[in-house]
């Protein structure tokens, strides 16, 4: 049985998911589109949060975001299987398998070495994709997602179905990650960040724990990428270019690592600021984001979620 405090947190995750699902049919289309992007980003940043709790930062998580998107797109483009569930599953599996291999190398490094090596792998994929004409080169290709579990979706219902899938996968990812962080293996993340040597003396393998967390984070990024491919209906190599990975780091810092709610809330704030800034100040929207990050780092170094922890502390 789960202890009461953990049960309350699980119930909160499910409740947020139910509320978001209920809001889908009544929200305007622009709000649904904004939430869709925020949920995709939030799912990726959930994995970034896990790495940051372990004491490492990836500057190349666009690699797995892009792999998830391309795996989903290729399933439709060449496999002629435009099933949304299969596409998201393909994205998660592809990202996880690649991370399982690359993680064997990356788990040996820390700090700037880990960050830059992860970025290097991301840029290698970018270079390969822009040179591959069969995948559309720099233009990429369109993705059509028309069914869910074999059921054909009506044209006017696709938007709500994609939104509902994004809510379900984001909620499920947050639920499972929260359960993992509460387990013995998940608690090693904070211990590794504080003192790796002491963790080794306790008999746990730091390398194995880092590798496991890296694979989990990659799977979450693959899910986010596949959901984004289904959402916007187009993929291209820019999804693995360094600015994309930088946005994930931006959202992770903006959010904080105090809760699984933090990445989802931070992604929503980020996307709202970017969308409205681009709408009303298209020539200076990057400056607006930069000022936002500067203010957060000065006044909320623990991220936006620290607002809630400060309130509880008071």
Protein backbone atom coordinates (compact mmCIF):
# COMPACT_ATOMS: atom_id res chain seq x y z
CA UNK A 1 0.00 0.00 0.00
CA UNK A 2 1.12 3.56 -0.71
CA UNK A 3 1.57 5.89 2.27
CA UNK A 4 -1.06 8.70 2.51
CA UNK A 5 1.26 11.53 1.40
CA UNK A 6 2.31 9.62 -1.71
CA UNK A 7 -1.26 8.62 -2.45
CA UNK A 8 -2.29 12.29 -2.34
CA UNK A 9 0.41 13.16 -4.89
CA UNK A 10 -0.64 10.36 -7.21
CA UNK A 11 -4.25 11.51 -6.92
CA UNK A 12 -3.17 15.08 -7.72
CA UNK A 13 -1.41 13.93 -10.92
CA UNK A 14 -4.49 12.00 -12.05
CA UNK A 15 -6.81 14.89 -11.13
CA UNK A 16 -4.80 17.36 -13.22
CA UNK A 17 -4.96 14.95 -16.16
CA UNK A 18 -8.74 14.54 -15.80
CA UNK A 19 -9.25 18.31 -15.62
CA UNK A 20 -7.14 18.86 -18.75
CA UNK A 21 -9.11 16.19 -20.61
CA UNK A 22 -12.39 17.77 -19.58
CA UNK A 23 -11.24 21.22 -20.72
CA UNK A 24 -10.25 20.04 -24.21
CA UNK A 25 -13.70 20.21 -25.88
CA UNK A 26 -14.54 23.65 -24.43
CA UNK A 27 -11.24 25.48 -24.92
CA UNK A 28 -10.67 27.62 -28.04
CA UNK A 29 -8.47 26.12 -30.72
CA UNK A 30 -5.53 28.44 -29.95
CA UNK A 31 -5.54 27.34 -26.30
CA UNK A 32 -5.65 23.66 -27.27
CA UNK A 33 -2.72 24.17 -29.65
CA UNK A 34 -0.74 25.97 -26.95
CA UNK A 35 -1.45 23.21 -24.41
CA UNK A 36 -0.54 20.55 -26.97
CA UNK A 37 2.92 22.01 -27.48
CA UNK A 38 3.36 22.58 -23.74
CA UNK A 39 2.46 18.96 -22.97
CA UNK A 40 4.93 17.67 -25.58
CA UNK A 41 7.68 19.90 -24.20
CA UNK A 42 6.73 19.05 -20.63
CA UNK A 43 7.07 15.33 -21.31
CA UNK A 44 10.59 15.86 -22.64
CA UNK A 45 11.53 18.10 -19.71
CA UNK A 46 10.31 15.45 -17.25
CA UNK A 47 13.30 13.41 -18.41
CA UNK A 48 15.56 16.45 -18.16
CA UNK A 49 14.38 16.90 -14.56
CA UNK A 50 15.44 13.33 -13.76
CA UNK A 51 18.93 14.00 -15.15
CA UNK A 52 19.21 17.29 -13.26
CA UNK A 53 18.27 15.52 -10.04
CA UNK A 54 21.14 13.15 -10.79
CA UNK A 55 23.48 16.13 -11.12
CA UNK A 56 23.91 16.16 -14.89
CA UNK A 57 22.54 18.35 -17.69
CA UNK A 58 22.10 17.24 -21.29
CA UNK A 59 22.57 19.85 -24.00
CA UNK A 60 21.64 17.31 -26.66
CA UNK A 61 18.23 15.92 -25.71
CA UNK A 62 16.95 17.18 -29.04
CA UNK A 63 18.55 13.95 -30.32
CA UNK A 64 15.88 11.77 -28.70
CA UNK A 65 13.11 14.28 -29.32
CA UNK A 66 13.98 14.13 -33.02
CA UNK A 67 14.41 10.35 -33.05
CA UNK A 68 10.96 9.95 -31.52
CA UNK A 69 9.46 12.25 -34.14
CA UNK A 70 11.21 10.57 -37.07
CA UNK A 71 10.35 7.07 -35.81
CA UNK A 72 6.69 8.11 -35.66
CA UNK A 73 6.88 9.77 -39.07
CA UNK A 74 8.61 6.85 -40.76
CA UNK A 75 5.97 4.47 -39.45
CA UNK A 76 3.43 6.51 -41.38
CA UNK A 77 5.61 7.57 -44.34
CA UNK A 78 7.05 4.19 -45.25
CA UNK A 79 5.15 1.69 -43.10
CA UNK A 80 1.74 3.16 -44.00
CA UNK A 81 0.62 2.79 -40.39
CA UNK A 82 -0.79 6.18 -39.34
CA UNK A 83 -1.94 4.90 -35.95
CA UNK A 84 -1.16 7.47 -33.24
CA UNK A 85 -0.58 4.90 -30.50
CA UNK A 86 1.84 2.89 -32.64
CA UNK A 87 3.65 6.06 -33.66
CA UNK A 88 4.18 7.17 -30.07
CA UNK A 89 5.27 3.65 -29.12
CA UNK A 90 7.77 3.60 -31.98
CA UNK A 91 9.18 6.93 -30.84
CA UNK A 92 9.63 5.73 -27.27
CA UNK A 93 11.26 2.42 -28.25
CA UNK A 94 13.63 4.00 -30.80
CA UNK A 95 14.80 6.68 -28.38
CA UNK A 96 15.24 4.13 -25.60
CA UNK A 97 17.31 1.74 -27.71
CA UNK A 98 19.64 4.47 -28.98
CA UNK A 99 20.03 5.86 -25.45
CA UNK A 100 20.83 2.39 -24.10
CA UNK A 101 23.83 2.26 -26.46
CA UNK A 102 25.04 5.87 -26.20
CA UNK A 103 24.43 5.87 -22.46
CA UNK A 104 27.17 3.29 -21.96
CA UNK A 105 29.65 5.98 -23.00
CA UNK A 106 27.93 9.03 -21.55
CA UNK A 107 27.51 7.46 -18.10
CA UNK A 108 31.29 7.74 -17.63
CA UNK A 109 31.28 11.55 -17.89
CA UNK A 110 30.00 14.42 -15.77
CA UNK A 111 29.58 18.20 -15.86
CA UNK A 112 30.57 19.99 -19.07
CA UNK A 113 31.99 16.81 -20.63
CA UNK A 114 28.60 15.08 -20.40
CA UNK A 115 26.79 18.17 -21.68
CA UNK A 116 29.04 18.70 -24.69
CA UNK A 117 29.24 15.05 -25.63
CA UNK A 118 25.45 14.79 -25.61
CA UNK A 119 25.33 17.89 -27.81
CA UNK A 120 27.85 16.33 -30.21
CA UNK A 121 25.66 13.25 -30.74
CA UNK A 122 22.67 15.50 -31.38
CA UNK A 123 24.56 17.46 -34.02
CA UNK A 124 25.77 14.26 -35.69
CA UNK A 125 22.15 13.23 -36.20
CA UNK A 126 21.38 16.70 -37.56
CA UNK A 127 24.21 16.38 -40.08
CA UNK A 128 22.98 12.96 -41.20
CA UNK A 129 19.37 14.09 -41.63
CA UNK A 130 20.15 17.19 -43.70
CA UNK A 131 22.18 15.02 -46.09
CA UNK A 132 19.49 12.33 -46.47
CA UNK A 133 17.35 13.20 -49.46
CA UNK A 134 14.98 10.26 -48.94
CA UNK A 135 13.90 11.84 -45.63
CA UNK A 136 13.36 15.26 -47.12
CA UNK A 137 16.78 16.66 -46.26
CA UNK A 138 16.44 20.11 -44.64
CA UNK A 139 12.71 20.30 -45.48
CA UNK A 140 11.72 17.09 -43.70
CA UNK A 141 8.34 15.57 -44.57
CA UNK A 142 4.72 15.61 -43.52
CA UNK A 143 3.16 13.15 -41.10
CA UNK A 144 -0.42 11.94 -41.24
CA UNK A 145 -1.97 10.44 -38.12
CA UNK A 146 -5.51 9.28 -38.86
CA UNK A 147 -6.31 6.38 -36.53
CA UNK A 148 -6.12 5.41 -32.88
CA UNK A 149 -6.08 1.70 -32.11
CA UNK A 150 -7.33 0.98 -35.60
CA UNK A 151 -10.30 3.37 -35.32
CA UNK A 152 -10.38 6.03 -38.03
CA UNK A 153 -10.68 9.55 -36.62
CA UNK A 154 -12.98 12.08 -38.26
CA UNK A 155 -11.21 15.10 -39.71
CA UNK A 156 -12.92 17.56 -37.38
CA UNK A 157 -12.03 15.45 -34.29
CA UNK A 158 -8.31 15.01 -34.92
CA UNK A 159 -7.34 18.11 -32.92
CA UNK A 160 -9.14 16.97 -29.77
CA UNK A 161 -7.93 13.37 -30.12
CA UNK A 162 -4.30 14.49 -30.45
CA UNK A 163 -4.75 16.78 -27.43
CA UNK A 164 -6.31 13.96 -25.42
CA UNK A 165 -3.43 11.64 -26.28
CA UNK A 166 -0.92 14.30 -25.23
CA UNK A 167 -2.72 14.71 -21.89
CA UNK A 168 -2.85 10.95 -21.29
CA UNK A 169 0.81 10.34 -22.13
CA UNK A 170 2.01 13.37 -20.15
CA UNK A 171 -0.08 12.37 -17.13
CA UNK A 172 1.04 8.75 -17.33
CA UNK A 173 4.68 9.80 -17.70
CA UNK A 174 4.43 12.10 -14.67
CA UNK A 175 2.69 9.39 -12.63
CA UNK A 176 5.27 6.71 -13.42
CA UNK A 177 8.22 9.07 -12.96
CA UNK A 178 6.89 10.14 -9.56
CA UNK A 179 6.60 6.49 -8.58
CA UNK A 180 10.14 5.84 -9.81
CA UNK A 181 11.56 8.80 -7.86
CA UNK A 182 9.91 7.45 -4.72
CA UNK A 183 11.57 4.04 -5.17
CA UNK A 184 15.00 3.02 -3.88
CA UNK A 185 16.48 3.29 -7.37
CA UNK A 186 14.94 6.71 -7.92
CA UNK A 187 16.25 8.07 -4.62
CA UNK A 188 19.77 7.33 -5.80
CA UNK A 189 19.51 10.33 -8.15
CA UNK A 190 19.77 12.88 -5.35
CA UNK A 191 22.44 10.86 -3.57
CA UNK A 192 24.58 10.71 -6.72
CA UNK A 193 24.26 14.46 -7.15
CA UNK A 194 25.41 15.03 -3.55
CA UNK A 195 28.22 12.48 -3.27
CA UNK A 196 28.97 9.80 -5.86
CA UNK A 197 31.76 8.25 -3.81
CA UNK A 198 29.48 7.67 -0.84
CA UNK A 199 26.92 5.99 -3.10
CA UNK A 200 29.61 3.61 -4.32
CA UNK A 201 30.58 2.83 -0.72
CA UNK A 202 26.94 1.97 -0.04
CA UNK A 203 27.23 -0.75 -2.67
CA UNK A 204 25.24 0.90 -5.46
CA UNK A 205 26.62 1.35 -8.96
CA UNK A 206 26.69 5.03 -9.91
CA UNK A 207 27.37 4.22 -13.56
CA UNK A 208 24.39 1.85 -13.74
CA UNK A 209 22.10 4.39 -12.06
CA UNK A 210 23.18 7.21 -14.39
CA UNK A 211 22.74 4.94 -17.40
CA UNK A 212 19.26 3.89 -16.24
CA UNK A 213 18.17 7.49 -15.64
CA UNK A 214 19.58 8.54 -19.00
CA UNK A 215 17.57 5.86 -20.81
CA UNK A 216 14.38 6.82 -18.95
CA UNK A 217 14.90 10.48 -19.85
CA UNK A 218 15.48 9.53 -23.50
CA UNK A 219 12.26 7.48 -23.62
CA UNK A 220 10.32 10.47 -22.29
CA UNK A 221 11.96 12.69 -24.92
CA UNK A 222 11.04 10.16 -27.62
CA UNK A 223 7.41 10.19 -26.47
CA UNK A 224 7.40 14.00 -26.53
CA UNK A 225 8.89 14.05 -30.03
CA UNK A 226 6.41 11.51 -31.38
CA UNK A 227 3.51 13.46 -29.87
CA UNK A 228 4.83 16.64 -31.46
CA UNK A 229 5.07 14.93 -34.86
CA UNK A 230 1.46 13.79 -34.55
CA UNK A 231 0.44 17.23 -33.32
CA UNK A 232 1.97 19.48 -36.00
CA UNK A 233 1.98 16.92 -38.82
CA UNK A 234 5.51 17.73 -39.95
CA UNK A 235 9.07 16.84 -38.92
CA UNK A 236 12.46 18.17 -40.00
CA UNK A 237 16.11 18.08 -38.84
CA UNK A 238 15.68 21.31 -36.84
CA UNK A 239 14.18 19.14 -34.12
CA UNK A 240 17.66 17.91 -33.22
CA UNK A 241 19.53 21.20 -33.85
CA UNK A 242 21.18 22.79 -30.81
CA UNK A 243 18.58 25.60 -30.31
CA UNK A 244 15.91 22.93 -29.76
CA UNK A 245 17.97 21.25 -27.04
CA UNK A 246 18.62 24.69 -25.60
CA UNK A 247 14.89 25.29 -25.28
CA UNK A 248 14.54 22.12 -23.23
CA UNK A 249 17.33 23.26 -20.91
CA UNK A 250 15.64 26.67 -20.72
CA UNK A 251 12.31 25.12 -19.67
CA UNK A 252 14.02 22.78 -17.19
CA UNK A 253 15.76 25.70 -15.46
CA UNK A 254 12.60 27.79 -15.60
CA UNK A 255 10.56 24.97 -14.05
CA UNK A 256 12.79 23.64 -11.29
CA UNK A 257 13.13 20.05 -10.16
CA UNK A 258 10.96 20.00 -7.05
CA UNK A 259 8.05 18.03 -8.48
CA UNK A 260 6.83 16.20 -11.56
CA UNK A 261 4.33 19.04 -11.95
CA UNK A 262 7.19 21.52 -12.40
CA UNK A 263 8.21 20.57 -16.00
CA UNK A 264 4.59 20.53 -17.20
CA UNK A 265 3.83 23.89 -15.56
CA UNK A 266 7.12 25.39 -16.72
CA UNK A 267 6.52 24.25 -20.29
CA UNK A 268 3.08 25.87 -20.23
CA UNK A 269 4.53 29.16 -18.93
CA UNK A 270 7.33 29.04 -21.51
CA UNK A 271 4.99 28.37 -24.41
CA UNK A 272 2.52 31.04 -23.27
CA UNK A 273 5.26 33.68 -22.98
CA UNK A 274 6.75 32.72 -26.34
CA UNK A 275 3.39 32.66 -28.14
CA UNK A 276 2.14 35.99 -26.80
CA UNK A 277 5.54 37.66 -27.13
CA UNK A 278 5.76 36.53 -30.76
CA UNK A 279 2.19 37.71 -31.37
CA UNK A 280 2.61 41.20 -29.93
CA UNK A 281 6.35 41.75 -30.35
CA UNK A 282 7.59 39.54 -33.22
CA UNK A 283 10.94 41.33 -33.50
CA UNK A 284 11.89 41.10 -29.82
CA UNK A 285 10.26 37.91 -28.55
CA UNK A 286 13.68 36.31 -27.90
CA UNK A 287 14.54 39.27 -25.68
CA UNK A 288 11.34 38.73 -23.70
CA UNK A 289 12.29 35.12 -23.07
CA UNK A 290 15.81 36.15 -22.10
CA UNK A 291 14.54 38.72 -19.60
CA UNK A 292 12.16 36.11 -18.17
CA UNK A 293 15.02 33.66 -17.64
CA UNK A 294 17.19 36.37 -16.10
CA UNK A 295 14.47 37.33 -13.61
CA UNK A 296 13.83 33.70 -12.67
CA UNK A 297 17.53 33.01 -12.10
CA UNK A 298 17.88 36.12 -9.92
CA UNK A 299 14.71 35.87 -7.83
CA UNK A 300 13.83 32.16 -8.12
CA UNK A 301 17.08 30.20 -8.53
CA UNK A 302 15.17 27.01 -7.72
CA UNK A 303 12.78 27.58 -10.62
CA UNK A 304 9.11 28.51 -10.65
CA UNK A 305 8.22 25.50 -8.51
CA UNK A 306 10.17 27.02 -5.62
CA UNK A 307 7.23 29.44 -5.25
CA UNK A 308 5.18 26.53 -3.90
CA UNK A 309 7.93 25.12 -1.70
CA UNK A 310 8.52 28.56 -0.18
CA UNK A 311 4.83 28.88 0.61
CA UNK A 312 4.79 25.49 2.33
CA UNK A 313 7.94 26.39 4.24
CA UNK A 314 6.39 29.62 5.46
